Amino acid sequence: MDSTPAADISNPFTSVPIEVNVCVGKARPLIRDLVMLGENAVLTLDSRMDDPVELYVGDRLIARGLLEEQEGDPSGQLVVRLTEIVDLQKSP
């Protein structure tokens, strides 16, 4: 059974696509280290593989979730399984 909510066909804005950015972590290198990076360099993030990722629309946090590989997709397509939806009524 699909758990996707039905679109409100009376509202034309529901069919407008938006971009959702998924943040897997942050790095805080010194500028002198950043300018020295080259191909195959490794930048250490402040998160681990099993840590939740954050989903943003613009600069607004909308949800958190876990990265997974899409089942049955041999190409290794990434998906996000949502674990928390931010209450946008309470957030600033």
PDB file of N, CA and C in Angstrom:
ATOM      1  N   MET A   1       0.846  -1.190   0.000  1.00  0.00           N
ATOM      2  CA  MET A   1       0.000   0.000   0.000  1.00  0.00           C
ATOM      3  C   MET A   1       0.881   1.239   0.000  1.00  0.00           C
ATOM      4  N   ASP A   2       0.599   2.175  -0.872  1.00  0.00           N
ATOM      5  CA  ASP A   2       1.377   3.410  -0.980  1.00  0.00           C
ATOM      6  C   ASP A   2       0.946   4.370   0.121  1.00  0.00           C
ATOM      7  N   SER A   3       1.926   4.907   0.880  1.00  0.00           N
ATOM      8  CA  SER A   3       1.607   5.827   1.967  1.00  0.00           C
ATOM      9  C   SER A   3       1.741   7.282   1.538  1.00  0.00           C
ATOM     10  N   THR A   4       1.864   7.529   0.234  1.00  0.00           N
ATOM     11  CA  THR A   4       1.979   8.890  -0.273  1.00  0.00           C
ATOM     12  C   THR A   4       0.631   9.582  -0.165  1.00  0.00           C
ATOM     13  N   PRO A   5       0.594  10.780   0.455  1.00  0.00           N
ATOM     14  CA  PRO A   5      -0.686  11.489   0.543  1.00  0.00           C
ATOM     15  C   PRO A   5      -1.196  11.875  -0.837  1.00  0.00           C
ATOM     16  N   ALA A   6      -2.520  11.884  -0.986  1.00  0.00           N
ATOM     17  CA  ALA A   6      -3.128  12.275  -2.259  1.00  0.00           C
ATOM     18  C   ALA A   6      -2.911  13.759  -2.491  1.00  0.00           C
ATOM     19  N   ALA A   7      -2.645  14.123  -3.734  1.00  0.00           N
ATOM     20  CA  ALA A   7      -2.453  15.535  -4.073  1.00  0.00           C
ATOM     21  C   ALA A   7      -3.793  16.251  -4.032  1.00  0.00           C
ATOM     22  N   ASP A   8      -3.768  17.479  -3.599  1.00  0.00           N
ATOM     23  CA  ASP A   8      -4.965  18.324  -3.571  1.00  0.00           C
ATOM     24  C   ASP A   8      -5.118  18.925  -4.957  1.00  0.00           C
ATOM     25  N   ILE A   9      -5.978  18.336  -5.777  1.00  0.00           N
ATOM     26  CA  ILE A   9      -6.104  18.785  -7.166  1.00  0.00           C
ATOM     27  C   ILE A   9      -6.746  20.158  -7.281  1.00  0.00           C
ATOM     28  N   SER A  10      -7.365  20.650  -6.201  1.00  0.00           N
ATOM     29  CA  SER A  10      -7.969  21.983  -6.256  1.00  0.00           C
ATOM     30  C   SER A  10      -6.924  23.085  -6.072  1.00  0.00           C
ATOM     31  N   ASN A  11      -5.711  22.721  -5.657  1.00  0.00           N
ATOM     32  CA  ASN A  11      -4.644  23.692  -5.437  1.00  0.00           C
ATOM     33  C   ASN A  11      -3.577  23.506  -6.510  1.00  0.00           C
ATOM     34  N   PRO A  12      -3.427  24.438  -7.451  1.00  0.00           N
ATOM     35  CA  PRO A  12      -2.466  24.265  -8.549  1.00  0.00           C
ATOM     36  C   PRO A  12      -1.012  24.242  -8.083  1.00  0.00           C
ATOM     37  N   PHE A  13      -0.720  24.748  -6.895  1.00  0.00           N
ATOM     38  CA  PHE A  13       0.660  24.776  -6.415  1.00  0.00           C
ATOM     39  C   PHE A  13       1.174  23.394  -6.012  1.00  0.00           C
ATOM     40  N   THR A  14       0.283  22.438  -5.800  1.00  0.00           N
ATOM     41  CA  THR A  14       0.732  21.109  -5.383  1.00  0.00           C
ATOM     42  C   THR A  14       1.497  20.373  -6.474  1.00  0.00           C
ATOM     43  N   SER A  15       1.385  20.822  -7.715  1.00  0.00           N
ATOM     44  CA  SER A  15       2.106  20.149  -8.801  1.00  0.00           C
ATOM     45  C   SER A  15       3.384  20.880  -9.202  1.00  0.00           C
ATOM     46  N   VAL A  16       3.777  21.896  -8.449  1.00  0.00           N
ATOM     47  CA  VAL A  16       5.007  22.632  -8.736  1.00  0.00           C
ATOM     48  C   VAL A  16       6.178  21.904  -8.078  1.00  0.00           C
ATOM     49  N   PRO A  17       7.210  21.531  -8.847  1.00  0.00           N
ATOM     50  CA  PRO A  17       8.355  20.826  -8.249  1.00  0.00           C
ATOM     51  C   PRO A  17       9.204  21.766  -7.398  1.00  0.00           C
ATOM     52  N   ILE A  18       9.788  21.216  -6.344  1.00  0.00           N
ATOM     53  CA  ILE A  18      10.716  21.970  -5.508  1.00  0.00           C
ATOM     54  C   ILE A  18      11.992  21.150  -5.363  1.00  0.00           C
ATOM     55  N   GLU A  19      13.054  21.801  -4.978  1.00  0.00           N
ATOM     56  CA  GLU A  19      14.325  21.117  -4.768  1.00  0.00           C
ATOM     57  C   GLU A  19      14.520  20.863  -3.284  1.00  0.00           C
ATOM     58  N   VAL A  20      14.781  19.611  -2.934  1.00  0.00           N
ATOM     59  CA  VAL A  20      15.065  19.223  -1.561  1.00  0.00           C
ATOM     60  C   VAL A  20      16.544  18.870  -1.491  1.00  0.00           C
ATOM     61  N   ASN A  21      17.279  19.546  -0.615  1.00  0.00           N
ATOM     62  CA  ASN A  21      18.698  19.260  -0.416  1.00  0.00           C
ATOM     63  C   ASN A  21      18.862  18.345   0.782  1.00  0.00           C
ATOM     64  N   VAL A  22      19.713  17.341   0.636  1.00  0.00           N
ATOM     65  CA  VAL A  22      19.982  16.390   1.699  1.00  0.00           C
ATOM     66  C   VAL A  22      21.399  16.640   2.193  1.00  0.00           C
ATOM     67  N   CYS A  23      21.519  16.971   3.472  1.00  0.00           N
ATOM     68  CA  CYS A  23      22.821  17.258   4.071  1.00  0.00           C
ATOM     69  C   CYS A  23      23.292  16.032   4.855  1.00  0.00           C
ATOM     70  N   VAL A  24      24.411  15.474   4.430  1.00  0.00           N
ATOM     71  CA  VAL A  24      24.940  14.285   5.102  1.00  0.00           C
ATOM     72  C   VAL A  24      25.941  14.630   6.187  1.00  0.00           C
ATOM     73  N   GLY A  25      26.420  15.847   6.221  1.00  0.00           N
ATOM     74  CA  GLY A  25      27.370  16.254   7.250  1.00  0.00           C
ATOM     75  C   GLY A  25      28.087  17.517   6.840  1.00  0.00           C
ATOM     76  N   LYS A  26      28.925  17.983   7.735  1.00  0.00           N
ATOM     77  CA  LYS A  26      29.687  19.203   7.481  1.00  0.00           C
ATOM     78  C   LYS A  26      31.166  18.936   7.744  1.00  0.00           C
ATOM     79  N   ALA A  27      32.001  19.687   7.049  1.00  0.00           N
ATOM     80  CA  ALA A  27      33.443  19.662   7.264  1.00  0.00           C
ATOM     81  C   ALA A  27      33.881  21.081   7.607  1.00  0.00           C
ATOM     82  N   ARG A  28      34.868  21.210   8.447  1.00  0.00           N
ATOM     83  CA  ARG A  28      35.352  22.537   8.840  1.00  0.00           C
ATOM     84  C   ARG A  28      36.877  22.604   8.735  1.00  0.00           C
ATOM     85  N   PRO A  29      37.372  22.518   7.504  1.00  0.00           N
ATOM     86  CA  PRO A  29      38.824  22.606   7.346  1.00  0.00           C
ATOM     87  C   PRO A  29      39.297  24.057   7.449  1.00  0.00           C
ATOM     88  N   LEU A  30      40.563  24.220   7.726  1.00  0.00           N
ATOM     89  CA  LEU A  30      41.160  25.546   7.644  1.00  0.00           C
ATOM     90  C   LEU A  30      41.286  25.907   6.166  1.00  0.00           C
ATOM     91  N   ILE A  31      41.262  27.182   5.865  1.00  0.00           N
ATOM     92  CA  ILE A  31      41.367  27.619   4.471  1.00  0.00           C
ATOM     93  C   ILE A  31      42.654  27.109   3.852  1.00  0.00           C
ATOM     94  N   ARG A  32      43.757  27.148   4.604  1.00  0.00           N
ATOM     95  CA  ARG A  32      45.034  26.683   4.025  1.00  0.00           C
ATOM     96  C   ARG A  32      44.967  25.205   3.660  1.00  0.00           C
ATOM     97  N   ASP A  33      44.196  24.404   4.417  1.00  0.00           N
ATOM     98  CA  ASP A  33      44.043  22.984   4.086  1.00  0.00           C
ATOM     99  C   ASP A  33      43.102  22.804   2.895  1.00  0.00           C
ATOM    100  N   LEU A  34      42.066  23.632   2.828  1.00  0.00           N
ATOM    101  CA  LEU A  34      41.091  23.536   1.750  1.00  0.00           C
ATOM    102  C   LEU A  34      41.722  23.840   0.394  1.00  0.00           C
ATOM    103  N   VAL A  35      42.568  24.851   0.316  1.00  0.00           N
ATOM    104  CA  VAL A  35      43.175  25.205  -0.966  1.00  0.00           C
ATOM    105  C   VAL A  35      44.214  24.176  -1.407  1.00  0.00           C
ATOM    106  N   MET A  36      44.654  23.329  -0.493  1.00  0.00           N
ATOM    107  CA  MET A  36      45.626  22.287  -0.823  1.00  0.00           C
ATOM    108  C   MET A  36      44.953  21.005  -1.339  1.00  0.00           C
ATOM    109  N   LEU A  37      43.623  20.921  -1.232  1.00  0.00           N
ATOM    110  CA  LEU A  37      42.935  19.706  -1.662  1.00  0.00           C
ATOM    111  C   LEU A  37      43.033  19.533  -3.161  1.00  0.00           C
ATOM    112  N   GLY A  38      43.179  18.307  -3.561  1.00  0.00           N
ATOM    113  CA  GLY A  38      43.230  17.983  -4.985  1.00  0.00           C
ATOM    114  C   GLY A  38      42.402  16.739  -5.243  1.00  0.00           C
ATOM    115  N   GLU A  39      42.490  16.246  -6.464  1.00  0.00           N
ATOM    116  CA  GLU A  39      41.756  15.043  -6.836  1.00  0.00           C
ATOM    117  C   GLU A  39      42.139  13.887  -5.915  1.00  0.00           C
ATOM    118  N   ASN A  40      41.153  13.143  -5.486  1.00  0.00           N
ATOM    119  CA  ASN A  40      41.285  11.990  -4.587  1.00  0.00           C
ATOM    120  C   ASN A  40      41.589  12.374  -3.138  1.00  0.00           C
ATOM    121  N   ALA A  41      41.549  13.662  -2.823  1.00  0.00           N
ATOM    122  CA  ALA A  41      41.721  14.076  -1.424  1.00  0.00           C
ATOM    123  C   ALA A  41      40.491  13.631  -0.631  1.00  0.00           C
ATOM    124  N   VAL A  42      40.659  13.488   0.661  1.00  0.00           N
ATOM    125  CA  VAL A  42      39.569  13.067   1.543  1.00  0.00           C
ATOM    126  C   VAL A  42      39.248  14.204   2.501  1.00  0.00           C
ATOM    127  N   LEU A  43      37.985  14.553   2.579  1.00  0.00           N
ATOM    128  CA  LEU A  43      37.511  15.598   3.473  1.00  0.00           C
ATOM    129  C   LEU A  43      36.662  14.923   4.540  1.00  0.00           C
ATOM    130  N   THR A  44      37.080  14.990   5.790  1.00  0.00           N
ATOM    131  CA  THR A  44      36.395  14.311   6.878  1.00  0.00           C
ATOM    132  C   THR A  44      35.166  15.101   7.321  1.00  0.00           C
ATOM    133  N   LEU A  45      34.026  14.407   7.377  1.00  0.00           N
ATOM    134  CA  LEU A  45      32.776  15.025   7.808  1.00  0.00           C
ATOM    135  C   LEU A  45      32.559  14.792   9.297  1.00  0.00           C
ATOM    136  N   ASP A  46      31.631  15.560   9.860  1.00  0.00           N
ATOM    137  CA  ASP A  46      31.328  15.438  11.289  1.00  0.00           C
ATOM    138  C   ASP A  46      30.241  14.400  11.564  1.00  0.00           C
ATOM    139  N   SER A  47      30.008  13.490  10.619  1.00  0.00           N
ATOM    140  CA  SER A  47      28.965  12.488  10.808  1.00  0.00           C
ATOM    141  C   SER A  47      29.467  11.108  10.399  1.00  0.00           C
ATOM    142  N   ARG A  48      28.696  10.106  10.795  1.00  0.00           N
ATOM    143  CA  ARG A  48      29.017   8.715  10.474  1.00  0.00           C
ATOM    144  C   ARG A  48      27.993   8.171   9.474  1.00  0.00           C
ATOM    145  N   MET A  49      28.269   7.005   8.912  1.00  0.00           N
ATOM    146  CA  MET A  49      27.395   6.397   7.901  1.00  0.00           C
ATOM    147  C   MET A  49      25.969   6.190   8.406  1.00  0.00           C
ATOM    148  N   ASP A  50      25.794   5.845   9.674  1.00  0.00           N
ATOM    149  CA  ASP A  50      24.464   5.547  10.206  1.00  0.00           C
ATOM    150  C   ASP A  50      23.770   6.750  10.826  1.00  0.00           C
ATOM    151  N   ASP A  51      24.408   7.922  10.812  1.00  0.00           N
ATOM    152  CA  ASP A  51      23.785   9.123  11.369  1.00  0.00           C
ATOM    153  C   ASP A  51      22.649   9.591  10.461  1.00  0.00           C
ATOM    154  N   PRO A  52      21.623  10.191  11.050  1.00  0.00           N
ATOM    155  CA  PRO A  52      20.542  10.737  10.226  1.00  0.00           C
ATOM    156  C   PRO A  52      21.048  11.863   9.324  1.00  0.00           C
ATOM    157  N   VAL A  53      20.418  11.996   8.174  1.00  0.00           N
ATOM    158  CA  VAL A  53      20.680  13.116   7.277  1.00  0.00           C
ATOM    159  C   VAL A  53      19.566  14.131   7.475  1.00  0.00           C
ATOM    160  N   GLU A  54      19.814  15.372   7.078  1.00  0.00           N
ATOM    161  CA  GLU A  54      18.811  16.425   7.215  1.00  0.00           C
ATOM    162  C   GLU A  54      18.340  16.855   5.838  1.00  0.00           C
ATOM    163  N   LEU A  55      17.043  17.062   5.697  1.00  0.00           N
ATOM    164  CA  LEU A  55      16.449  17.491   4.436  1.00  0.00           C
ATOM    165  C   LEU A  55      16.025  18.949   4.566  1.00  0.00           C
ATOM    166  N   TYR A  56      16.423  19.749   3.576  1.00  0.00           N
ATOM    167  CA  TYR A  56      16.146  21.182   3.571  1.00  0.00           C
ATOM    168  C   TYR A  56      15.432  21.582   2.290  1.00  0.00           C
ATOM    169  N   VAL A  57      14.519  22.513   2.414  1.00  0.00           N
ATOM    170  CA  VAL A  57      13.982  23.252   1.280  1.00  0.00           C
ATOM    171  C   VAL A  57      14.450  24.682   1.511  1.00  0.00           C
ATOM    172  N   GLY A  58      15.320  25.155   0.637  1.00  0.00           N
ATOM    173  CA  GLY A  58      15.998  26.424   0.891  1.00  0.00           C
ATOM    174  C   GLY A  58      16.859  26.263   2.135  1.00  0.00           C
ATOM    175  N   ASP A  59      16.703  27.165   3.086  1.00  0.00           N
ATOM    176  CA  ASP A  59      17.462  27.035   4.332  1.00  0.00           C
ATOM    177  C   ASP A  59      16.592  26.510   5.472  1.00  0.00           C
ATOM    178  N   ARG A  60      15.404  25.993   5.144  1.00  0.00           N
ATOM    179  CA  ARG A  60      14.458  25.508   6.149  1.00  0.00           C
ATOM    180  C   ARG A  60      14.562  23.990   6.297  1.00  0.00           C
ATOM    181  N   LEU A  61      14.892  23.529   7.509  1.00  0.00           N
ATOM    182  CA  LEU A  61      14.914  22.103   7.809  1.00  0.00           C
ATOM    183  C   LEU A  61      13.485  21.590   7.794  1.00  0.00           C
ATOM    184  N   ILE A  62      13.235  20.535   7.000  1.00  0.00           N
ATOM    185  CA  ILE A  62      11.868  20.002   6.923  1.00  0.00           C
ATOM    186  C   ILE A  62      11.750  18.584   7.465  1.00  0.00           C
ATOM    187  N   ALA A  63      12.871  17.833   7.482  1.00  0.00           N
ATOM    188  CA  ALA A  63      12.790  16.438   7.917  1.00  0.00           C
ATOM    189  C   ALA A  63      14.190  15.879   8.170  1.00  0.00           C
ATOM    190  N   ARG A  64      14.209  14.719   8.809  1.00  0.00           N
ATOM    191  CA  ARG A  64      15.441  13.940   8.988  1.00  0.00           C
ATOM    192  C   ARG A  64      15.156  12.520   8.531  1.00  0.00           C
ATOM    193  N   GLY A  65      16.210  11.824   8.134  1.00  0.00           N
ATOM    194  CA  GLY A  65      16.015  10.450   7.682  1.00  0.00           C
ATOM    195  C   GLY A  65      17.326   9.708   7.589  1.00  0.00           C
ATOM    196  N   LEU A  66      17.239   8.478   7.107  1.00  0.00           N
ATOM    197  CA  LEU A  66      18.405   7.613   6.964  1.00  0.00           C
ATOM    198  C   LEU A  66      18.635   7.305   5.492  1.00  0.00           C
ATOM    199  N   LEU A  67      19.900   7.361   5.078  1.00  0.00           N
ATOM    200  CA  LEU A  67      20.247   7.005   3.700  1.00  0.00           C
ATOM    201  C   LEU A  67      20.180   5.493   3.537  1.00  0.00           C
ATOM    202  N   GLU A  68      19.610   5.073   2.422  1.00  0.00           N
ATOM    203  CA  GLU A  68      19.524   3.656   2.084  1.00  0.00           C
ATOM    204  C   GLU A  68      19.732   3.508   0.588  1.00  0.00           C
ATOM    205  N   GLU A  69      20.019   2.280   0.164  1.00  0.00           N
ATOM    206  CA  GLU A  69      20.016   1.978  -1.263  1.00  0.00           C
ATOM    207  C   GLU A  69      18.625   1.522  -1.629  1.00  0.00           C
ATOM    208  N   GLN A  70      18.129   1.972  -2.773  1.00  0.00           N
ATOM    209  CA  GLN A  70      16.790   1.593  -3.207  1.00  0.00           C
ATOM    210  C   GLN A  70      16.744   0.099  -3.464  1.00  0.00           C
ATOM    211  N   GLU A  71      15.763  -0.563  -2.863  1.00  0.00           N
ATOM    212  CA  GLU A  71      15.621  -2.008  -3.022  1.00  0.00           C
ATOM    213  C   GLU A  71      15.402  -2.378  -4.478  1.00  0.00           C
ATOM    214  N   GLY A  72      16.100  -3.398  -4.918  1.00  0.00           N
ATOM    215  CA  GLY A  72      15.916  -3.903  -6.262  1.00  0.00           C
ATOM    216  C   GLY A  72      16.575  -3.085  -7.357  1.00  0.00           C
ATOM    217  N   ASP A  73      17.317  -2.044  -6.988  1.00  0.00           N
ATOM    218  CA  ASP A  73      17.980  -1.215  -7.997  1.00  0.00           C
ATOM    219  C   ASP A  73      19.453  -1.598  -8.042  1.00  0.00           C
ATOM    220  N   PRO A  74      19.898  -2.265  -9.109  1.00  0.00           N
ATOM    221  CA  PRO A  74      21.285  -2.721  -9.174  1.00  0.00           C
ATOM    222  C   PRO A  74      22.302  -1.584  -9.297  1.00  0.00           C
ATOM    223  N   SER A  75      21.836  -0.366  -9.619  1.00  0.00           N
ATOM    224  CA  SER A  75      22.773   0.748  -9.797  1.00  0.00           C
ATOM    225  C   SER A  75      23.167   1.393  -8.471  1.00  0.00           C
ATOM    226  N   GLY A  76      22.529   0.982  -7.359  1.00  0.00           N
ATOM    227  CA  GLY A  76      22.872   1.560  -6.066  1.00  0.00           C
ATOM    228  C   GLY A  76      22.244   2.915  -5.824  1.00  0.00           C
ATOM    229  N   GLN A  77      21.079   3.176  -6.436  1.00  0.00           N
ATOM    230  CA  GLN A  77      20.374   4.448  -6.273  1.00  0.00           C
ATOM    231  C   GLN A  77      20.109   4.720  -4.796  1.00  0.00           C
ATOM    232  N   LEU A  78      20.472   5.926  -4.342  1.00  0.00           N
ATOM    233  CA  LEU A  78      20.242   6.309  -2.951  1.00  0.00           C
ATOM    234  C   LEU A  78      18.833   6.847  -2.759  1.00  0.00           C
ATOM    235  N   VAL A  79      18.260   6.543  -1.594  1.00  0.00           N
ATOM    236  CA  VAL A  79      16.971   7.081  -1.177  1.00  0.00           C
ATOM    237  C   VAL A  79      17.108   7.500   0.277  1.00  0.00           C
ATOM    238  N   VAL A  80      16.173   8.301   0.760  1.00  0.00           N
ATOM    239  CA  VAL A  80      16.142   8.696   2.160  1.00  0.00           C
ATOM    240  C   VAL A  80      14.855   8.161   2.776  1.00  0.00           C
ATOM    241  N   ARG A  81      14.984   7.361   3.822  1.00  0.00           N
ATOM    242  CA  ARG A  81      13.816   6.890   4.576  1.00  0.00           C
ATOM    243  C   ARG A  81      13.570   7.898   5.692  1.00  0.00           C
ATOM    244  N   LEU A  82      12.448   8.612   5.622  1.00  0.00           N
ATOM    245  CA  LEU A  82      12.163   9.661   6.594  1.00  0.00           C
ATOM    246  C   LEU A  82      11.881   9.066   7.967  1.00  0.00           C
ATOM    247  N   THR A  83      12.522   9.637   8.971  1.00  0.00           N
ATOM    248  CA  THR A  83      12.339   9.185  10.346  1.00  0.00           C
ATOM    249  C   THR A  83      11.724  10.265  11.227  1.00  0.00           C
ATOM    250  N   GLU A  84      11.758  11.510  10.751  1.00  0.00           N
ATOM    251  CA  GLU A  84      11.208  12.621  11.523  1.00  0.00           C
ATOM    252  C   GLU A  84      10.791  13.728  10.563  1.00  0.00           C
ATOM    253  N   ILE A  85       9.585  14.223  10.752  1.00  0.00           N
ATOM    254  CA  ILE A  85       9.097  15.368   9.994  1.00  0.00           C
ATOM    255  C   ILE A  85       9.062  16.550  10.952  1.00  0.00           C
ATOM    256  N   VAL A  86       9.682  17.647  10.553  1.00  0.00           N
ATOM    257  CA  VAL A  86       9.729  18.829  11.404  1.00  0.00           C
ATOM    258  C   VAL A  86       8.357  19.500  11.416  1.00  0.00           C
ATOM    259  N   ASP A  87       7.912  19.902  12.570  1.00  0.00           N
ATOM    260  CA  ASP A  87       6.639  20.624  12.699  1.00  0.00           C
ATOM    261  C   ASP A  87       6.873  22.054  12.238  1.00  0.00           C
ATOM    262  N   LEU A  88       6.501  22.352  11.004  1.00  0.00           N
ATOM    263  CA  LEU A  88       6.766  23.671  10.435  1.00  0.00           C
ATOM    264  C   LEU A  88       5.931  24.762  11.086  1.00  0.00           C
ATOM    265  N   GLN A  89       4.869  24.388  11.788  1.00  0.00           N
ATOM    266  CA  GLN A  89       4.048  25.374  12.503  1.00  0.00           C
ATOM    267  C   GLN A  89       4.792  25.917  13.714  1.00  0.00           C
ATOM    268  N   LYS A  90       5.678  25.086  14.326  1.00  0.00           N
ATOM    269  CA  LYS A  90       6.396  25.489  15.537  1.00  0.00           C
ATOM    270  C   LYS A  90       7.777  26.043  15.249  1.00  0.00           C
ATOM    271  N   SER A  91       8.365  25.680  14.091  1.00  0.00           N
ATOM    272  CA  SER A  91       9.731  26.123  13.811  1.00  0.00           C
ATOM    273  C   SER A  91       9.726  27.567  13.316  1.00  0.00           C
ATOM    274  N   PRO A  92      10.820  28.310  13.598  1.00  0.00           N
ATOM    275  CA  PRO A  92      10.870  29.724  13.184  1.00  0.00           C
ATOM    276  C   PRO A  92      10.973  29.902  11.692  1.00  0.00           C
TER     277      PRO A  92
END
